[in-house]
Amino acid sequence: MINENKRLALDLIEDKLNPAEAKELVHAYYEKSINHYKLQKLKTWIANHNANTSYYDELINSLSKQKKEAIETIETGISTGRDIEFNGKLNFSLVA
């Protein structure tokens, strides 16, 4: 039986990577996330051409800005010869 109030926290990654590896990881994460919301927006629009898709636009824009900022930070690591330390966590729970 699934506990309806269960919260789960997972360590996704806890590692030090060279900048090239970090850039590849960050790029893949953000591209997957952005494409997910683009697809959701398209599905919504297909179902109703007059649907308000601004929610998806905001998410896509926010993720794009985060990606740009992350890549710029990693580029600084590349230019200064510094590694990138990751400490990624995923927290989630079941909701009604």
C-alpha atoms as a PDB file:
ATOM      1  CA  MET A   1       0.000   0.000   0.000  1.00  0.00           C
ATOM      2  CA  ILE A   2       1.244   3.476  -0.867  1.00  0.00           C
ATOM      3  CA  ASN A   3       1.449   5.927   2.015  1.00  0.00           C
ATOM      4  CA  GLU A   4      -0.672   8.910   0.882  1.00  0.00           C
ATOM      5  CA  ASN A   5       1.421  11.378   2.921  1.00  0.00           C
ATOM      6  CA  LYS A   6       4.815  10.025   1.956  1.00  0.00           C
ATOM      7  CA  ARG A   7       7.556  12.507   1.148  1.00  0.00           C
ATOM      8  CA  LEU A   8      10.626  11.326  -0.663  1.00  0.00           C
ATOM      9  CA  ALA A   9      14.027  12.971  -0.964  1.00  0.00           C
ATOM     10  CA  LEU A  10      16.656  11.566  -3.302  1.00  0.00           C
ATOM     11  CA  ASP A  11      20.248  12.574  -3.950  1.00  0.00           C
ATOM     12  CA  LEU A  12      20.449  12.873  -7.730  1.00  0.00           C
ATOM     13  CA  ILE A  13      24.113  13.708  -7.988  1.00  0.00           C
ATOM     14  CA  GLU A  14      26.846  14.601  -5.568  1.00  0.00           C
ATOM     15  CA  ASP A  15      30.109  14.824  -7.431  1.00  0.00           C
ATOM     16  CA  LYS A  16      32.846  17.070  -8.704  1.00  0.00           C
ATOM     17  CA  LEU A  17      33.008  17.151 -12.508  1.00  0.00           C
ATOM     18  CA  ASN A  18      35.327  18.751 -14.980  1.00  0.00           C
ATOM     19  CA  PRO A  19      33.674  21.656 -16.790  1.00  0.00           C
ATOM     20  CA  ALA A  20      33.110  19.746 -20.047  1.00  0.00           C
ATOM     21  CA  GLU A  21      31.233  16.981 -18.207  1.00  0.00           C
ATOM     22  CA  ALA A  22      29.294  19.542 -16.187  1.00  0.00           C
ATOM     23  CA  LYS A  23      28.307  21.462 -19.306  1.00  0.00           C
ATOM     24  CA  GLU A  24      27.058  18.286 -20.978  1.00  0.00           C
ATOM     25  CA  LEU A  25      25.043  17.312 -17.890  1.00  0.00           C
ATOM     26  CA  VAL A  26      23.491  20.772 -17.440  1.00  0.00           C
ATOM     27  CA  HIS A  27      22.721  21.121 -21.139  1.00  0.00           C
ATOM     28  CA  ALA A  28      20.995  17.721 -21.261  1.00  0.00           C
ATOM     29  CA  TYR A  29      18.929  18.424 -18.126  1.00  0.00           C
ATOM     30  CA  TYR A  30      17.684  21.807 -19.294  1.00  0.00           C
ATOM     31  CA  GLU A  31      17.023  20.729 -22.883  1.00  0.00           C
ATOM     32  CA  LYS A  32      14.948  17.772 -21.644  1.00  0.00           C
ATOM     33  CA  SER A  33      13.003  20.000 -19.240  1.00  0.00           C
ATOM     34  CA  ILE A  34      12.419  22.768 -21.778  1.00  0.00           C
ATOM     35  CA  ASN A  35      11.314  20.291 -24.448  1.00  0.00           C
ATOM     36  CA  HIS A  36       8.907  18.669 -21.983  1.00  0.00           C
ATOM     37  CA  TYR A  37       7.110  21.974 -21.417  1.00  0.00           C
ATOM     38  CA  LYS A  38       7.177  22.839 -25.113  1.00  0.00           C
ATOM     39  CA  LEU A  39       5.441  19.537 -25.784  1.00  0.00           C
ATOM     40  CA  GLN A  40       2.872  20.198 -23.046  1.00  0.00           C
ATOM     41  CA  LYS A  41       2.219  23.628 -24.552  1.00  0.00           C
ATOM     42  CA  LEU A  42       1.754  22.103 -28.001  1.00  0.00           C
ATOM     43  CA  LYS A  43      -0.639  19.448 -26.653  1.00  0.00           C
ATOM     44  CA  THR A  44      -2.665  22.155 -24.938  1.00  0.00           C
ATOM     45  CA  TRP A  45      -2.777  24.260 -28.107  1.00  0.00           C
ATOM     46  CA  ILE A  46      -3.785  21.263 -30.250  1.00  0.00           C
ATOM     47  CA  ALA A  47      -6.669  20.514 -27.889  1.00  0.00           C
ATOM     48  CA  ASN A  48      -7.771  24.161 -27.884  1.00  0.00           C
ATOM     49  CA  HIS A  49      -6.242  26.748 -30.216  1.00  0.00           C
ATOM     50  CA  ASN A  50      -7.537  29.503 -27.913  1.00  0.00           C
ATOM     51  CA  ALA A  51      -6.065  28.021 -24.734  1.00  0.00           C
ATOM     52  CA  ASN A  52      -3.963  30.239 -22.512  1.00  0.00           C
ATOM     53  CA  THR A  53      -0.462  28.764 -22.699  1.00  0.00           C
ATOM     54  CA  SER A  54       1.302  31.563 -20.835  1.00  0.00           C
ATOM     55  CA  TYR A  55       1.993  29.175 -17.917  1.00  0.00           C
ATOM     56  CA  TYR A  56       4.175  27.078 -20.220  1.00  0.00           C
ATOM     57  CA  ASP A  57       5.786  30.177 -21.743  1.00  0.00           C
ATOM     58  CA  GLU A  58       6.810  31.342 -18.259  1.00  0.00           C
ATOM     59  CA  LEU A  59       8.260  27.931 -17.369  1.00  0.00           C
ATOM     60  CA  ILE A  60      10.137  27.694 -20.659  1.00  0.00           C
ATOM     61  CA  ASN A  61      11.531  31.217 -20.259  1.00  0.00           C
ATOM     62  CA  SER A  62      12.536  30.587 -16.653  1.00  0.00           C
ATOM     63  CA  LEU A  63      14.305  27.337 -17.524  1.00  0.00           C
ATOM     64  CA  SER A  64      16.028  29.003 -20.490  1.00  0.00           C
ATOM     65  CA  LYS A  65      17.351  31.765 -18.215  1.00  0.00           C
ATOM     66  CA  GLN A  66      18.537  29.225 -15.640  1.00  0.00           C
ATOM     67  CA  LYS A  67      20.269  27.235 -18.369  1.00  0.00           C
ATOM     68  CA  LYS A  68      22.029  30.357 -19.677  1.00  0.00           C
ATOM     69  CA  GLU A  69      23.190  31.300 -16.191  1.00  0.00           C
ATOM     70  CA  ALA A  70      24.413  27.772 -15.454  1.00  0.00           C
ATOM     71  CA  ILE A  71      26.297  27.532 -18.748  1.00  0.00           C
ATOM     72  CA  GLU A  72      27.894  30.940 -18.143  1.00  0.00           C
ATOM     73  CA  THR A  73      29.087  29.751 -14.719  1.00  0.00           C
ATOM     74  CA  ILE A  74      30.485  26.572 -16.236  1.00  0.00           C
ATOM     75  CA  GLU A  75      32.198  28.599 -18.974  1.00  0.00           C
ATOM     76  CA  THR A  76      33.910  30.545 -16.178  1.00  0.00           C
ATOM     77  CA  GLY A  77      35.105  27.212 -14.813  1.00  0.00           C
ATOM     78  CA  ILE A  78      36.452  26.300 -18.232  1.00  0.00           C
ATOM     79  CA  SER A  79      38.312  29.595 -18.623  1.00  0.00           C
ATOM     80  CA  THR A  80      39.777  29.453 -15.106  1.00  0.00           C
ATOM     81  CA  GLY A  81      40.537  25.706 -15.039  1.00  0.00           C
ATOM     82  CA  ARG A  82      38.198  25.019 -12.131  1.00  0.00           C
ATOM     83  CA  ASP A  83      35.991  21.968 -11.621  1.00  0.00           C
ATOM     84  CA  ILE A  84      32.263  22.149 -10.965  1.00  0.00           C
ATOM     85  CA  GLU A  85      30.783  20.632  -7.811  1.00  0.00           C
ATOM     86  CA  PHE A  86      27.225  19.304  -8.047  1.00  0.00           C
ATOM     87  CA  ASN A  87      24.891  18.624  -5.167  1.00  0.00           C
ATOM     88  CA  GLY A  88      21.502  17.901  -6.712  1.00  0.00           C
ATOM     89  CA  LYS A  89      18.511  16.761  -4.705  1.00  0.00           C
ATOM     90  CA  LEU A  90      15.007  15.781  -5.719  1.00  0.00           C
ATOM     91  CA  ASN A  91      12.213  16.239  -3.177  1.00  0.00           C
ATOM     92  CA  PHE A  92       8.667  15.217  -3.919  1.00  0.00           C
ATOM     93  CA  SER A  93       5.451  14.005  -2.349  1.00  0.00           C
ATOM     94  CA  LEU A  94       2.049  12.756  -3.434  1.00  0.00           C
ATOM     95  CA  VAL A  95      -0.571  15.498  -3.705  1.00  0.00           C
ATOM     96  CA  ALA A  96      -4.284  15.549  -4.328  1.00  0.00           C
END
